[in-house]
Each structure stands twice: as C-alpha cells, then as structure tokens.
Amino acid sequence: MIIREERIGGQRLILGDCLQVMPGLGRFDAVVTDPPYGINYRHGAEKGPHASRHNERPILGDDAPFDPAPWVRGQCILWGANHFASRLPIAGGGGRWLVWDKRDGVGFNDQSDVEIGWMSGPRRADRIFSHLWSGYSKASEKGVPRQHPTQKPISLMKWCLGFLPDAKTILDPFMGSGTTLVACQRRGRMGTGIELDPGYFDIACARVEQAARQPDLFIATPAPKPVQEQLL
C-alpha cells in the first residue's frame, strides 16, 4: 500500500513497505540500492554542529537477515553485500564486487575503511571507487551533515549508474535519505524510491527537490512522469 507519493523532477518517491508496493509498480531496468543489512546497525558517535539528528535512530528492517532474492532477477547493484554474501547468486563466480575505498589513502577512519557492493551479471573484473568520506574529511558534500546513518556519497551512486548505461528506469526499494534518486536526477535517469520511515522519506524529498532545482547543465533532465517497462 502506498501511504504517500511525491513526484519531484524526474523522480518518484513513495512512502510504504517496498514488498507491498512493488507489485503495483510495473517493471524497471535496474535496481540500485543500499538495503538494511540485517545487523541491527547503530551509530551514535557523531557529535558537534555537523552531527545528524537522525544518526541514533534504528534502521527499519535491520533486525532480520536481508534476503537479496527478490532483487537479483535482473540488473542490480546491492551495497553492504559482504553482510549477505552467502545468500547472493555467486556460485561459479557470477557478478562483480564493487569496493568503495573510504580512506582514499588519507588518514585514519574510525569506522570501516571500505564498503562492499555487488553487481549482478556475468563475472567481470572487480572495481574500486576511491572517495574520502570520514567525519569532517570528505572529498565531496563538505560541510553537509549526514542525514542517514548509512548514507552514501552522491558521487558513489553516480559512479554506480555508470555501470548501467542502458538502464533508464531505476528502482531503489530502500531509499533512505534519497541518495540514489539524487544521483538519478543528476544523471538524467528516472528513479523510483520506496522508504518505510516517514522521517527519512521527508529528508529524501527535500534532497531530491534541491537536486531538481540545481540541474547539471550537461545532463538531460528526465521526464517528470516515468513509465516503467520491465518487472525484475
């Protein structure tokens, strides 16, 4: 059931449970998402003026093991894949590992030095994205407080979209603070994001709205009413 829906720029944002909403949405070219890992993640270390007021809230759905099966039937990129690698279809070496180097060779990181994603498809060479992202030290979005405890840089999600050049319609079933849809807006893709937490849904709407007001002049603006074509 869709509790609330907003269309901003070329993006569609839905408040609701993705497993309940998905059957009525039609088909998408690819899934790009950072799902709840199933590890009861908690983060409350950030302090000071740049700390997020949301960083101690639990992540809905993170209290049970994540099942990637519904999302790997077509093109997809799943972050946090090391936490559910045993449940991915990697027998025989399928897919590709994506590694985000959060240190980029600089300094010390009080959390993990890397994060791991997995991309479906035939086995190909793994790829590394080096992008500093540690507290105040950031290669991008400097001075912008993190709005979600596992929020990814916009640059990382734009990098992910580069592996899917023919995917015009993107689904993020675990939208969080909306980074995937911000990247879609900036890359001229039509994204649909689903989020269960009303607070994060509002944050995602605000971030996508800001991206829509500041378009990339070198990227075509996506159509305001995306039409999905294929169901994974």
C-alpha atoms as a PDB file:
ATOM      1  CA  MET A   1       0.000   0.000   0.000  1.00  0.00           C
ATOM      2  CA  ILE A   2       1.278   3.449  -0.922  1.00  0.00           C
ATOM      3  CA  ILE A   3       0.952   5.699   2.106  1.00  0.00           C
ATOM      4  CA  ARG A   4       2.197   8.818   0.341  1.00  0.00           C
ATOM      5  CA  GLU A   5       3.690   9.638  -3.025  1.00  0.00           C
ATOM      6  CA  GLU A   6       5.641  12.593  -4.402  1.00  0.00           C
ATOM      7  CA  ARG A   7       6.915  13.264  -7.925  1.00  0.00           C
ATOM      8  CA  ILE A   8       9.860  15.643  -7.992  1.00  0.00           C
ATOM      9  CA  GLY A   9      11.805  16.383 -11.155  1.00  0.00           C
ATOM     10  CA  GLY A  10      12.059  13.048 -12.930  1.00  0.00           C
ATOM     11  CA  GLN A  11      11.826  11.086  -9.677  1.00  0.00           C
ATOM     12  CA  ARG A  12       9.001   9.246  -7.954  1.00  0.00           C
ATOM     13  CA  LEU A  13       9.199   8.912  -4.157  1.00  0.00           C
ATOM     14  CA  ILE A  14       6.897   6.500  -2.316  1.00  0.00           C
ATOM     15  CA  LEU A  15       6.292   6.096   1.404  1.00  0.00           C
ATOM     16  CA  GLY A  16       5.439   2.494   2.173  1.00  0.00           C
ATOM     17  CA  ASP A  17       6.700  -1.081   2.533  1.00  0.00           C
ATOM     18  CA  CYS A  18       8.568  -1.989  -0.662  1.00  0.00           C
ATOM     19  CA  LEU A  19       7.373  -5.608  -0.680  1.00  0.00           C
ATOM     20  CA  GLN A  20       3.761  -4.436  -0.521  1.00  0.00           C
ATOM     21  CA  VAL A  21       4.201  -1.571  -3.001  1.00  0.00           C
ATOM     22  CA  MET A  22       6.273  -3.355  -5.649  1.00  0.00           C
ATOM     23  CA  PRO A  23       3.543  -5.498  -7.270  1.00  0.00           C
ATOM     24  CA  GLY A  24       1.700  -2.407  -8.464  1.00  0.00           C
ATOM     25  CA  LEU A  25       4.666  -0.506  -9.868  1.00  0.00           C
ATOM     26  CA  GLY A  26       5.415  -2.330 -13.104  1.00  0.00           C
ATOM     27  CA  ARG A  27       8.865  -3.020 -14.461  1.00  0.00           C
ATOM     28  CA  PHE A  28      12.270  -1.367 -14.073  1.00  0.00           C
ATOM     29  CA  ASP A  29      15.533  -1.604 -15.959  1.00  0.00           C
ATOM     30  CA  ALA A  30      17.678  -1.959 -12.831  1.00  0.00           C
ATOM     31  CA  VAL A  31      17.735  -1.937  -9.041  1.00  0.00           C
ATOM     32  CA  VAL A  32      20.346   0.212  -7.277  1.00  0.00           C
ATOM     33  CA  THR A  33      20.055   0.205  -3.502  1.00  0.00           C
ATOM     34  CA  ASP A  34      21.705   0.128  -0.084  1.00  0.00           C
ATOM     35  CA  PRO A  35      19.381  -2.215   1.832  1.00  0.00           C
ATOM     36  CA  PRO A  36      19.209  -2.871   5.582  1.00  0.00           C
ATOM     37  CA  TYR A  37      21.991  -5.373   6.191  1.00  0.00           C
ATOM     38  CA  GLY A  38      20.295  -7.326   8.973  1.00  0.00           C
ATOM     39  CA  ILE A  39      22.912  -6.448  11.587  1.00  0.00           C
ATOM     40  CA  ASN A  40      20.929  -4.165  13.943  1.00  0.00           C
ATOM     41  CA  TYR A  41      23.192  -1.286  12.931  1.00  0.00           C
ATOM     42  CA  ARG A  42      23.571   1.517  15.450  1.00  0.00           C
ATOM     43  CA  HIS A  43      25.528   4.722  15.015  1.00  0.00           C
ATOM     44  CA  GLY A  44      25.616   7.483  17.566  1.00  0.00           C
ATOM     45  CA  ALA A  45      29.227   8.582  17.547  1.00  0.00           C
ATOM     46  CA  GLU A  46      28.782  11.834  15.631  1.00  0.00           C
ATOM     47  CA  LYS A  47      28.863  14.933  17.815  1.00  0.00           C
ATOM     48  CA  GLY A  48      29.032  18.667  17.281  1.00  0.00           C
ATOM     49  CA  PRO A  49      27.396  21.016  14.756  1.00  0.00           C
ATOM     50  CA  HIS A  50      27.742  18.616  11.823  1.00  0.00           C
ATOM     51  CA  ALA A  51      26.206  15.629  13.602  1.00  0.00           C
ATOM     52  CA  SER A  52      22.959  14.322  12.174  1.00  0.00           C
ATOM     53  CA  ARG A  53      19.995  14.482  14.495  1.00  0.00           C
ATOM     54  CA  HIS A  54      18.885  11.189  12.935  1.00  0.00           C
ATOM     55  CA  ASN A  55      22.060   9.199  13.487  1.00  0.00           C
ATOM     56  CA  GLU A  56      20.865   7.306  16.567  1.00  0.00           C
ATOM     57  CA  ARG A  57      17.550   6.171  15.104  1.00  0.00           C
ATOM     58  CA  PRO A  58      17.264   2.474  14.260  1.00  0.00           C
ATOM     59  CA  ILE A  59      17.024   1.458  10.620  1.00  0.00           C
ATOM     60  CA  LEU A  60      13.652  -0.146   9.947  1.00  0.00           C
ATOM     61  CA  GLY A  61      14.020  -3.724   8.747  1.00  0.00           C
ATOM     62  CA  ASP A  62      17.582  -4.099  10.013  1.00  0.00           C
ATOM     63  CA  ASP A  63      16.599  -6.511  12.795  1.00  0.00           C
ATOM     64  CA  ALA A  64      16.309  -9.522  10.451  1.00  0.00           C
ATOM     65  CA  PRO A  65      18.701 -11.058   7.890  1.00  0.00           C
ATOM     66  CA  PHE A  66      18.414  -9.387   4.493  1.00  0.00           C
ATOM     67  CA  ASP A  67      17.189 -11.614   1.661  1.00  0.00           C
ATOM     68  CA  PRO A  68      18.523 -10.405  -1.721  1.00  0.00           C
ATOM     69  CA  ALA A  69      16.488 -12.964  -3.728  1.00  0.00           C
ATOM     70  CA  PRO A  70      13.643 -10.611  -4.779  1.00  0.00           C
ATOM     71  CA  TRP A  71      16.088  -8.045  -6.171  1.00  0.00           C
ATOM     72  CA  VAL A  72      18.656 -10.087  -8.141  1.00  0.00           C
ATOM     73  CA  ARG A  73      16.444 -11.298 -11.006  1.00  0.00           C
ATOM     74  CA  GLY A  74      17.741  -8.635 -13.385  1.00  0.00           C
ATOM     75  CA  GLN A  75      20.323  -5.861 -13.343  1.00  0.00           C
ATOM     76  CA  CYS A  76      21.045  -4.793  -9.791  1.00  0.00           C
ATOM     77  CA  ILE A  77      23.643  -3.241  -7.513  1.00  0.00           C
ATOM     78  CA  LEU A  78      23.365  -4.031  -3.810  1.00  0.00           C
ATOM     79  CA  TRP A  79      25.544  -2.318  -1.201  1.00  0.00           C
ATOM     80  CA  GLY A  80      26.512  -3.958   2.088  1.00  0.00           C
ATOM     81  CA  ALA A  81      26.848  -7.204   0.149  1.00  0.00           C
ATOM     82  CA  ASN A  82      29.515  -8.615   2.464  1.00  0.00           C
ATOM     83  CA  HIS A  83      26.819  -8.945   5.138  1.00  0.00           C
ATOM     84  CA  PHE A  84      24.671 -11.244   2.990  1.00  0.00           C
ATOM     85  CA  ALA A  85      27.228 -12.685   0.545  1.00  0.00           C
ATOM     86  CA  SER A  86      26.219 -16.272   1.349  1.00  0.00           C
ATOM     87  CA  ARG A  87      22.732 -15.536   0.003  1.00  0.00           C
ATOM     88  CA  LEU A  88      23.864 -13.970  -3.288  1.00  0.00           C
ATOM     89  CA  PRO A  89      23.837 -15.973  -6.555  1.00  0.00           C
ATOM     90  CA  ILE A  90      27.628 -16.029  -6.828  1.00  0.00           C
ATOM     91  CA  ALA A  91      28.106 -19.770  -7.386  1.00  0.00           C
ATOM     92  CA  GLY A  92      30.508 -20.193 -10.274  1.00  0.00           C
ATOM     93  CA  GLY A  93      31.843 -16.667  -9.885  1.00  0.00           C
ATOM     94  CA  GLY A  94      28.875 -14.693 -11.155  1.00  0.00           C
ATOM     95  CA  GLY A  95      28.600 -10.943 -10.662  1.00  0.00           C
ATOM     96  CA  ARG A  96      31.118  -8.285  -9.833  1.00  0.00           C
ATOM     97  CA  TRP A  97      32.324  -6.891  -6.500  1.00  0.00           C
ATOM     98  CA  LEU A  98      32.352  -3.120  -6.130  1.00  0.00           C
ATOM     99  CA  VAL A  99      34.601  -1.660  -3.438  1.00  0.00           C
ATOM    100  CA  TRP A 100      34.306   1.839  -2.043  1.00  0.00           C
ATOM    101  CA  ASP A 101      37.642   2.897  -0.518  1.00  0.00           C
ATOM    102  CA  LYS A 102      36.513   5.434   2.085  1.00  0.00           C
ATOM    103  CA  ARG A 103      40.028   6.484   3.102  1.00  0.00           C
ATOM    104  CA  ASP A 104      41.440   7.131  -0.362  1.00  0.00           C
ATOM    105  CA  GLY A 105      44.897   6.685   1.176  1.00  0.00           C
ATOM    106  CA  VAL A 106      44.405   9.542   3.642  1.00  0.00           C
ATOM    107  CA  GLY A 107      44.435   9.396   7.423  1.00  0.00           C
ATOM    108  CA  PHE A 108      42.567   7.123   9.792  1.00  0.00           C
ATOM    109  CA  ASN A 109      38.952   6.058   9.625  1.00  0.00           C
ATOM    110  CA  ASP A 110      37.179   5.296  12.902  1.00  0.00           C
ATOM    111  CA  GLN A 111      34.768   3.022  11.011  1.00  0.00           C
ATOM    112  CA  SER A 112      35.361   0.560   8.173  1.00  0.00           C
ATOM    113  CA  ASP A 113      37.959   1.534   5.590  1.00  0.00           C
ATOM    114  CA  VAL A 114      35.904   0.106   2.733  1.00  0.00           C
ATOM    115  CA  GLU A 115      32.322  -0.814   1.914  1.00  0.00           C
ATOM    116  CA  ILE A 116      31.383  -3.634  -0.423  1.00  0.00           C
ATOM    117  CA  GLY A 117      28.740  -3.754  -3.123  1.00  0.00           C
ATOM    118  CA  TRP A 118      27.730  -6.481  -5.544  1.00  0.00           C
ATOM    119  CA  MET A 119      26.566  -6.126  -9.135  1.00  0.00           C
ATOM    120  CA  SER A 120      24.652  -8.873 -10.936  1.00  0.00           C
ATOM    121  CA  GLY A 121      25.569 -10.278 -14.305  1.00  0.00           C
ATOM    122  CA  PRO A 122      28.399 -12.342 -15.796  1.00  0.00           C
ATOM    123  CA  ARG A 123      31.642 -12.440 -13.822  1.00  0.00           C
ATOM    124  CA  ARG A 124      33.752  -9.390 -14.593  1.00  0.00           C
ATOM    125  CA  ALA A 125      36.721  -7.626 -13.071  1.00  0.00           C
ATOM    126  CA  ASP A 126      36.023  -6.032  -9.693  1.00  0.00           C
ATOM    127  CA  ARG A 127      36.085  -2.246  -9.437  1.00  0.00           C
ATOM    128  CA  ILE A 128      37.275   0.194  -6.765  1.00  0.00           C
ATOM    129  CA  PHE A 129      35.905   3.684  -6.125  1.00  0.00           C
ATOM    130  CA  SER A 130      38.336   5.770  -4.043  1.00  0.00           C
ATOM    131  CA  HIS A 131      36.497   8.636  -2.366  1.00  0.00           C
ATOM    132  CA  LEU A 132      37.404  10.066   1.038  1.00  0.00           C
ATOM    133  CA  TRP A 133      34.410  10.018   3.413  1.00  0.00           C
ATOM    134  CA  SER A 134      35.254  10.077   7.105  1.00  0.00           C
ATOM    135  CA  GLY A 135      33.685  12.533   9.550  1.00  0.00           C
ATOM    136  CA  TYR A 136      34.715  16.081   8.663  1.00  0.00           C
ATOM    137  CA  SER A 137      37.106  14.768   5.990  1.00  0.00           C
ATOM    138  CA  LYS A 138      35.145  14.417   2.767  1.00  0.00           C
ATOM    139  CA  ALA A 139      36.022  14.590  -0.896  1.00  0.00           C
ATOM    140  CA  SER A 140      32.504  15.870  -1.627  1.00  0.00           C
ATOM    141  CA  GLU A 141      29.452  17.308   0.164  1.00  0.00           C
ATOM    142  CA  LYS A 142      31.786  19.108   2.558  1.00  0.00           C
ATOM    143  CA  GLY A 143      30.023  20.738   5.473  1.00  0.00           C
ATOM    144  CA  VAL A 144      26.780  18.937   4.667  1.00  0.00           C
ATOM    145  CA  PRO A 145      25.600  16.822   7.631  1.00  0.00           C
ATOM    146  CA  ARG A 146      24.784  13.205   7.019  1.00  0.00           C
ATOM    147  CA  GLN A 147      21.040  12.598   7.210  1.00  0.00           C
ATOM    148  CA  HIS A 148      21.059   8.781   7.489  1.00  0.00           C
ATOM    149  CA  PRO A 149      23.445   6.508   9.427  1.00  0.00           C
ATOM    150  CA  THR A 150      24.476   4.500   6.348  1.00  0.00           C
ATOM    151  CA  GLN A 151      24.183   7.349   3.823  1.00  0.00           C
ATOM    152  CA  LYS A 152      26.410   7.061   0.766  1.00  0.00           C
ATOM    153  CA  PRO A 153      28.050   9.913  -1.179  1.00  0.00           C
ATOM    154  CA  ILE A 154      26.130  11.115  -4.209  1.00  0.00           C
ATOM    155  CA  SER A 155      29.345  10.623  -6.190  1.00  0.00           C
ATOM    156  CA  LEU A 156      29.353   6.914  -5.320  1.00  0.00           C
ATOM    157  CA  MET A 157      25.820   6.363  -6.577  1.00  0.00           C
ATOM    158  CA  LYS A 158      26.552   8.333  -9.763  1.00  0.00           C
ATOM    159  CA  TRP A 159      29.541   6.002 -10.240  1.00  0.00           C
ATOM    160  CA  CYS A 160      27.206   3.023  -9.858  1.00  0.00           C
ATOM    161  CA  LEU A 161      24.858   4.357 -12.521  1.00  0.00           C
ATOM    162  CA  GLY A 162      27.820   4.464 -14.875  1.00  0.00           C
ATOM    163  CA  PHE A 163      27.836   0.654 -14.888  1.00  0.00           C
ATOM    164  CA  LEU A 164      24.232   0.703 -16.140  1.00  0.00           C
ATOM    165  CA  PRO A 165      24.358   2.968 -19.214  1.00  0.00           C
ATOM    166  CA  ASP A 166      21.243   1.490 -20.816  1.00  0.00           C
ATOM    167  CA  ALA A 167      19.108   1.483 -17.647  1.00  0.00           C
ATOM    168  CA  LYS A 168      16.754   4.442 -17.901  1.00  0.00           C
ATOM    169  CA  THR A 169      14.378   3.432 -15.100  1.00  0.00           C
ATOM    170  CA  ILE A 170      15.970   2.747 -11.707  1.00  0.00           C
ATOM    171  CA  LEU A 171      14.361   1.323  -8.582  1.00  0.00           C
ATOM    172  CA  ASP A 172      15.686   1.916  -5.068  1.00  0.00           C
ATOM    173  CA  PRO A 173      13.392  -0.122  -2.775  1.00  0.00           C
ATOM    174  CA  PHE A 174      15.252   1.016   0.359  1.00  0.00           C
ATOM    175  CA  MET A 175      15.552   4.719  -0.411  1.00  0.00           C
ATOM    176  CA  GLY A 176      16.702   6.038   2.982  1.00  0.00           C
ATOM    177  CA  SER A 177      17.694   9.669   2.586  1.00  0.00           C
ATOM    178  CA  GLY A 178      17.324   9.519  -1.203  1.00  0.00           C
ATOM    179  CA  THR A 179      20.921   9.471  -2.446  1.00  0.00           C
ATOM    180  CA  THR A 180      20.188   7.096  -5.334  1.00  0.00           C
ATOM    181  CA  LEU A 181      17.379   9.338  -6.586  1.00  0.00           C
ATOM    182  CA  VAL A 182      19.561  12.433  -6.244  1.00  0.00           C
ATOM    183  CA  ALA A 183      22.128  10.661  -8.439  1.00  0.00           C
ATOM    184  CA  CYS A 184      19.373   9.692 -10.902  1.00  0.00           C
ATOM    185  CA  GLN A 185      18.195  13.290 -11.093  1.00  0.00           C
ATOM    186  CA  ARG A 186      21.714  14.482 -11.801  1.00  0.00           C
ATOM    187  CA  ARG A 187      22.338  11.753 -14.377  1.00  0.00           C
ATOM    188  CA  GLY A 188      19.084  12.154 -16.279  1.00  0.00           C
ATOM    189  CA  ARG A 189      17.630   8.806 -15.145  1.00  0.00           C
ATOM    190  CA  MET A 190      14.067   8.180 -13.985  1.00  0.00           C
ATOM    191  CA  GLY A 191      14.209   6.826 -10.444  1.00  0.00           C
ATOM    192  CA  THR A 192      11.585   5.386  -8.138  1.00  0.00           C
ATOM    193  CA  GLY A 193      12.447   5.205  -4.453  1.00  0.00           C
ATOM    194  CA  ILE A 194      10.494   3.483  -1.674  1.00  0.00           C
ATOM    195  CA  GLU A 195      11.015   4.221   2.033  1.00  0.00           C
ATOM    196  CA  LEU A 196       9.218   2.899   5.100  1.00  0.00           C
ATOM    197  CA  ASP A 197      10.376   5.540   7.599  1.00  0.00           C
ATOM    198  CA  PRO A 198       8.343   8.798   7.290  1.00  0.00           C
ATOM    199  CA  GLY A 199      11.205  10.913   8.645  1.00  0.00           C
ATOM    200  CA  TYR A 200      13.701   9.659   6.083  1.00  0.00           C
ATOM    201  CA  PHE A 201      11.054   9.949   3.357  1.00  0.00           C
ATOM    202  CA  ASP A 202      10.729  13.677   4.109  1.00  0.00           C
ATOM    203  CA  ILE A 203      14.515  14.050   4.026  1.00  0.00           C
ATOM    204  CA  ALA A 204      14.685  12.272   0.667  1.00  0.00           C
ATOM    205  CA  CYS A 205      12.007  14.565  -0.775  1.00  0.00           C
ATOM    206  CA  ALA A 206      13.942  17.641   0.343  1.00  0.00           C
ATOM    207  CA  ARG A 207      17.229  16.361  -1.116  1.00  0.00           C
ATOM    208  CA  VAL A 208      15.684  15.425  -4.463  1.00  0.00           C
ATOM    209  CA  GLU A 209      13.906  18.785  -4.585  1.00  0.00           C
ATOM    210  CA  GLN A 210      17.235  20.532  -4.111  1.00  0.00           C
ATOM    211  CA  ALA A 211      18.806  18.417  -6.884  1.00  0.00           C
ATOM    212  CA  ALA A 212      15.916  19.257  -9.211  1.00  0.00           C
ATOM    213  CA  ARG A 213      16.464  22.986  -8.568  1.00  0.00           C
ATOM    214  CA  GLN A 214      20.167  22.683  -9.390  1.00  0.00           C
ATOM    215  CA  PRO A 215      20.296  20.635 -12.613  1.00  0.00           C
ATOM    216  CA  ASP A 216      23.508  19.517 -14.261  1.00  0.00           C
ATOM    217  CA  LEU A 217      23.641  21.596 -17.434  1.00  0.00           C
ATOM    218  CA  PHE A 218      25.400  18.777 -19.278  1.00  0.00           C
ATOM    219  CA  ILE A 219      22.767  16.143 -18.466  1.00  0.00           C
ATOM    220  CA  ALA A 220      19.271  15.993 -19.974  1.00  0.00           C
ATOM    221  CA  THR A 221      16.521  16.468 -17.390  1.00  0.00           C
ATOM    222  CA  PRO A 222      14.456  13.264 -17.010  1.00  0.00           C
ATOM    223  CA  ALA A 223      10.772  13.259 -17.900  1.00  0.00           C
ATOM    224  CA  PRO A 224       8.540  14.208 -14.943  1.00  0.00           C
ATOM    225  CA  LYS A 225       6.317  11.101 -15.203  1.00  0.00           C
ATOM    226  CA  PRO A 226       8.457   7.958 -15.550  1.00  0.00           C
ATOM    227  CA  VAL A 227       6.823   4.941 -17.198  1.00  0.00           C
ATOM    228  CA  GLN A 228       8.269   1.561 -16.159  1.00  0.00           C
ATOM    229  CA  GLU A 229       8.750  -1.134 -18.762  1.00  0.00           C
ATOM    230  CA  GLN A 230      10.056  -4.378 -17.236  1.00  0.00           C
ATOM    231  CA  LEU A 231       9.486  -6.216 -13.982  1.00  0.00           C
ATOM    232  CA  LEU A 232      12.517  -7.880 -12.467  1.00  0.00           C
END
